[in-house]
Protein backbone atom coordinates (compact mmCIF):
# COMPACT_ATOMS: atom_id res chain seq x y z
CA UNK A 1 7.88 -24.46 24.46
CA UNK A 2 9.51 -21.99 22.15
CA UNK A 3 8.23 -21.60 18.71
CA UNK A 4 9.95 -23.35 15.79
CA UNK A 5 12.06 -21.16 13.40
CA UNK A 6 13.34 -22.07 10.11
CA UNK A 7 16.99 -22.08 9.95
CA UNK A 8 19.02 -21.04 6.94
CA UNK A 9 19.93 -24.00 4.93
CA UNK A 10 21.15 -22.35 1.72
CA UNK A 11 24.14 -20.98 0.57
CA UNK A 12 23.12 -18.39 -2.17
CA UNK A 13 19.75 -16.96 -3.32
CA UNK A 14 19.34 -16.01 -7.03
CA UNK A 15 16.64 -14.36 -9.21
CA UNK A 16 15.90 -16.60 -12.09
CA UNK A 17 13.64 -16.61 -15.03
CA UNK A 18 10.73 -19.30 -15.22
CA UNK A 19 7.55 -20.07 -17.14
CA UNK A 20 5.30 -16.94 -16.83
CA UNK A 21 7.73 -14.55 -14.89
CA UNK A 22 10.61 -14.80 -12.37
CA UNK A 23 11.23 -16.62 -9.15
CA UNK A 24 13.94 -17.02 -6.51
CA UNK A 25 15.96 -20.05 -6.17
CA UNK A 26 17.95 -21.11 -3.05
CA UNK A 27 20.86 -23.15 -3.99
CA UNK A 28 19.01 -24.33 -7.21
CA UNK A 29 15.74 -24.99 -5.24
CA UNK A 30 12.83 -22.69 -6.13
CA UNK A 31 11.00 -21.05 -3.05
CA UNK A 32 7.27 -21.56 -2.45
CA UNK A 33 4.63 -19.38 -0.47
CA UNK A 34 3.41 -20.35 2.85
CA UNK A 35 0.33 -22.17 1.15
CA UNK A 36 3.01 -24.10 -0.83
CA UNK A 37 2.20 -22.37 -4.04
CA UNK A 38 4.83 -21.64 -6.69
CA UNK A 39 6.29 -18.28 -6.35
CA UNK A 40 6.19 -16.81 -9.85
CA UNK A 41 6.46 -12.73 -9.90
CA UNK A 42 5.90 -10.38 -12.94
CA UNK A 43 9.66 -8.60 -12.98
CA UNK A 44 12.99 -9.52 -12.64
CA UNK A 45 13.68 -6.48 -10.20
CA UNK A 46 10.92 -7.90 -7.94
CA UNK A 47 12.57 -11.08 -7.89
CA UNK A 48 15.82 -9.72 -7.48
CA UNK A 49 14.68 -7.65 -4.30
CA UNK A 50 13.17 -11.00 -3.00
CA UNK A 51 16.66 -12.74 -3.47
CA UNK A 52 18.44 -10.09 -1.60
CA UNK A 53 16.30 -10.50 1.21
CA UNK A 54 17.19 -14.34 1.43
CA UNK A 55 20.29 -13.74 1.05
CA UNK A 56 20.55 -11.10 3.92
CA UNK A 57 19.21 -13.79 6.41
CA UNK A 58 21.35 -14.98 9.08
CA UNK A 59 21.19 -18.40 10.94
CA UNK A 60 17.61 -18.08 11.49
CA UNK A 61 15.00 -16.72 8.93
CA UNK A 62 12.96 -13.77 10.04
CA UNK A 63 10.02 -13.01 7.85
CA UNK A 64 9.80 -9.32 9.38
CA UNK A 65 12.99 -8.46 7.46
CA UNK A 66 11.43 -9.70 3.92
CA UNK A 67 8.83 -7.42 3.02
CA UNK A 68 8.91 -8.04 -0.49
CA UNK A 69 8.83 -11.88 -0.17
CA UNK A 70 5.75 -11.38 2.32
CA UNK A 71 3.90 -9.09 -0.39
CA UNK A 72 4.66 -11.60 -3.00
CA UNK A 73 3.32 -14.29 -0.86
CA UNK A 74 0.10 -12.16 -0.25
CA UNK A 75 -0.49 -11.42 -3.96
CA UNK A 76 -0.24 -15.26 -4.53
CA UNK A 77 -1.78 -16.94 -1.87
CA UNK A 78 -4.54 -14.09 -0.91
CA UNK A 79 -5.29 -11.55 -3.67
CA UNK A 80 -5.26 -14.00 -6.65
CA UNK A 81 -7.90 -16.21 -5.13
CA UNK A 82 -10.28 -13.30 -4.12
CA UNK A 83 -9.16 -10.33 -6.56
CA UNK A 84 -12.56 -8.95 -6.97
CA UNK A 85 -13.54 -8.89 -3.22
CA UNK A 86 -10.16 -7.13 -2.34
CA UNK A 87 -10.79 -4.59 -5.32
CA UNK A 88 -14.46 -4.06 -4.22
CA UNK A 89 -13.30 -3.51 -0.68
CA UNK A 90 -10.55 -0.75 -1.72
CA UNK A 91 -12.81 0.83 -4.27
CA UNK A 92 -15.43 1.55 -1.49
CA UNK A 93 -12.77 3.93 0.29
CA UNK A 94 -14.06 6.41 -2.21
CA UNK A 95 -17.21 6.86 -0.80
CA UNK A 96 -15.85 7.97 2.46
CA UNK A 97 -12.38 9.20 1.31
CA UNK A 98 -10.26 10.81 3.96
CA UNK A 99 -9.70 13.79 1.80
CA UNK A 100 -13.52 14.58 1.35
CA UNK A 101 -14.20 14.88 5.13
CA UNK A 102 -13.23 18.39 6.31
CA UNK A 103 -13.48 19.81 9.63
CA UNK A 104 -15.84 22.96 10.18
CA UNK A 105 -13.57 24.65 12.76
CA UNK A 106 -11.07 26.12 13.76
CA UNK A 107 -10.43 28.05 10.50
CA UNK A 108 -6.64 27.11 10.63
CA UNK A 109 -7.60 23.48 10.40
CA UNK A 110 -10.08 24.32 7.59
CA UNK A 111 -7.67 26.25 5.68
CA UNK A 112 -4.97 23.65 5.98
CA UNK A 113 -7.13 20.93 4.74
CA UNK A 114 -8.38 22.85 1.89
CA UNK A 115 -4.76 24.07 0.92
CA UNK A 116 -3.30 20.50 0.90
CA UNK A 117 -5.97 18.32 0.17
CA UNK A 118 -7.50 20.02 -2.55
CA UNK A 119 -4.81 19.63 -4.94
CA UNK A 120 -4.83 15.84 -4.63
CA UNK A 121 -8.65 15.88 -5.61
CA UNK A 122 -7.84 18.19 -8.35
CA UNK A 123 -5.26 15.80 -9.60
CA UNK A 124 -7.73 12.84 -9.43
CA UNK A 125 -10.16 14.76 -11.34
CA UNK A 126 -7.81 15.26 -14.21
CA UNK A 127 -5.61 12.09 -13.92
CA UNK A 128 -8.50 9.52 -13.08
CA UNK A 129 -11.39 11.17 -14.48
CA UNK A 130 -13.15 11.20 -11.03
CA UNK A 131 -13.92 14.37 -9.18
CA UNK A 132 -14.70 13.45 -5.54
CA UNK A 133 -16.58 16.36 -3.45
CA UNK A 134 -15.51 17.56 -0.04
CA UNK A 135 -18.00 17.41 2.86
CA UNK A 136 -18.11 19.35 5.90
CA UNK A 137 -18.42 17.42 9.31
CA UNK A 138 -18.41 13.72 9.80
CA UNK A 139 -22.02 12.46 8.50
CA UNK A 140 -21.77 10.31 5.37
CA UNK A 141 -22.83 11.96 2.21
CA UNK A 142 -22.58 9.90 -0.80
CA UNK A 143 -20.43 10.66 -3.60
CA UNK A 144 -21.66 10.67 -7.49
CA UNK A 145 -22.20 7.01 -8.40
CA UNK A 146 -20.67 7.67 -11.78
CA UNK A 147 -17.48 8.94 -10.21
CA UNK A 148 -17.21 5.72 -7.89
CA UNK A 149 -17.91 3.57 -10.74
CA UNK A 150 -14.84 5.08 -12.61
CA UNK A 151 -12.63 4.82 -9.59
CA UNK A 152 -13.86 1.15 -9.03
CA UNK A 153 -13.05 0.20 -12.66
CA UNK A 154 -9.47 1.38 -12.10
CA UNK A 155 -9.04 -0.52 -8.96
CA UNK A 156 -10.37 -3.87 -10.65
CA UNK A 157 -7.98 -3.31 -13.48
CA UNK A 158 -4.95 -3.66 -11.30
CA UNK A 159 -2.91 -6.99 -11.30
CA UNK A 160 -2.86 -9.33 -8.31
CA UNK A 161 0.76 -7.76 -7.46
CA UNK A 162 -0.43 -4.27 -8.02
CA UNK A 163 -3.52 -4.81 -5.91
CA UNK A 164 -1.33 -6.32 -3.20
CA UNK A 165 0.54 -3.19 -3.04
CA UNK A 166 -2.45 -0.92 -3.54
CA UNK A 167 -4.29 -2.56 -0.76
CA UNK A 168 -1.60 -1.18 1.79
CA UNK A 169 -1.52 2.22 0.28
CA UNK A 170 -5.12 2.81 0.58
CA UNK A 171 -5.69 1.22 3.88
CA UNK A 172 -2.82 2.72 5.64
CA UNK A 173 -3.53 6.27 4.26
CA UNK A 174 -7.32 5.94 4.53
CA UNK A 175 -7.58 7.33 1.16
CA UNK A 176 -8.32 5.85 -2.30
CA UNK A 177 -7.22 9.15 -3.89
CA UNK A 178 -3.86 9.16 -2.02
CA UNK A 179 -3.50 5.42 -2.92
CA UNK A 180 -3.85 6.30 -6.67
CA UNK A 181 -1.55 9.12 -6.27
CA UNK A 182 1.24 7.09 -4.65
CA UNK A 183 1.08 4.40 -7.14
CA UNK A 184 0.94 6.73 -10.10
CA UNK A 185 3.94 9.05 -8.59
CA UNK A 186 1.81 12.34 -8.44
CA UNK A 187 4.29 13.48 -5.73
CA UNK A 188 6.89 11.74 -3.61
CA UNK A 189 5.68 8.86 -1.56
CA UNK A 190 6.90 10.83 1.62
CA UNK A 191 4.84 13.79 0.63
CA UNK A 192 1.66 11.54 0.18
CA UNK A 193 2.20 9.86 3.57
CA UNK A 194 2.45 13.53 5.26
CA UNK A 195 -0.84 14.45 3.50
CA UNK A 196 -2.59 11.52 5.07
CA UNK A 197 -1.34 12.30 8.55
CA UNK A 198 -2.65 16.15 8.35
CA UNK A 199 -5.34 15.81 11.03
CA UNK A 200 -3.04 13.93 13.45
CA UNK A 201 -0.17 16.40 12.96
CA UNK A 202 -2.92 19.01 13.73
CA UNK A 203 -3.43 17.28 17.01
CA UNK A 204 0.03 17.03 17.71
CA UNK A 205 0.45 20.77 17.33
CA UNK A 206 -2.31 21.41 19.69
CA UNK A 207 -1.77 18.85 22.52
CA UNK A 208 1.90 17.76 22.07
CA UNK A 209 3.41 14.50 20.56
CA UNK A 210 2.43 11.12 21.91
CA UNK A 211 5.48 8.90 21.68
CA UNK A 212 3.65 5.56 21.36
CA UNK A 213 1.56 7.18 18.45
CA UNK A 214 4.45 8.60 16.80
CA UNK A 215 6.28 4.91 16.94
CA UNK A 216 3.31 3.45 15.48
CA UNK A 217 3.07 6.08 12.75
CA UNK A 218 6.55 5.54 11.75
CA UNK A 219 5.86 1.85 11.27
CA UNK A 220 2.84 2.51 9.18
CA UNK A 221 5.03 5.05 7.29
CA UNK A 222 7.67 2.36 6.44
CA UNK A 223 4.98 -0.12 5.17
CA UNK A 224 3.66 2.63 3.10
CA UNK A 225 6.93 3.46 1.46
CA UNK A 226 7.54 -0.35 0.96
CA UNK A 227 3.97 -0.83 -0.68
CA UNK A 228 4.96 1.97 -3.30
CA UNK A 229 8.31 0.31 -4.10
CA UNK A 230 6.41 -3.24 -4.49
CA UNK A 231 3.93 -1.54 -6.69
CA UNK A 232 6.62 0.08 -8.94
CA UNK A 233 8.44 -3.42 -9.15
CA UNK A 234 4.87 -4.88 -10.31
């Protein structure tokens, strides 16, 4: 039995102002989330991006081609009801941040990690008031609790929509610091994504590329780029 798919029933989608923000109307009917909640987003730009996705649908609705709508739904249906838990989960990345776990050999990799990752930690010290310390090897070594509390407070201060995007920026990169760097525009989103894949790129240089791994990485990169766009619109 084939899975039921929603067919397009509207002629035009429009971003409109509503109480508390903006929404999308399909021939005058306001859209709802999968949990049947009202869709109210914080900016007109976000509503326009969502409306464009609805307008681009053909005969059958394909949610995979609607990343802004899916992110907004996540912010409303998931993040808003567990904001504290999501923020705490993401803040925990700070104590095991990708940028802090360094190889002890070979020297070329050690030098590359220091050259490319240290500037991000230095930026965080200045911009976020939080200086994480690098560790050599894979054994966990706790970071300073005051630094972690500073980072955690910044994560908890994000809005539901910002946090929905921030979730992907952090989880896809494996780094709380790179998540903040992307959100705050330290460097281009593509440069920051490349920093998150330093170890994988090193392995590719040593052993050659893996086609499946490269395809998976490209999917993650596009999701990372989208998350930055969604954060900016939030």
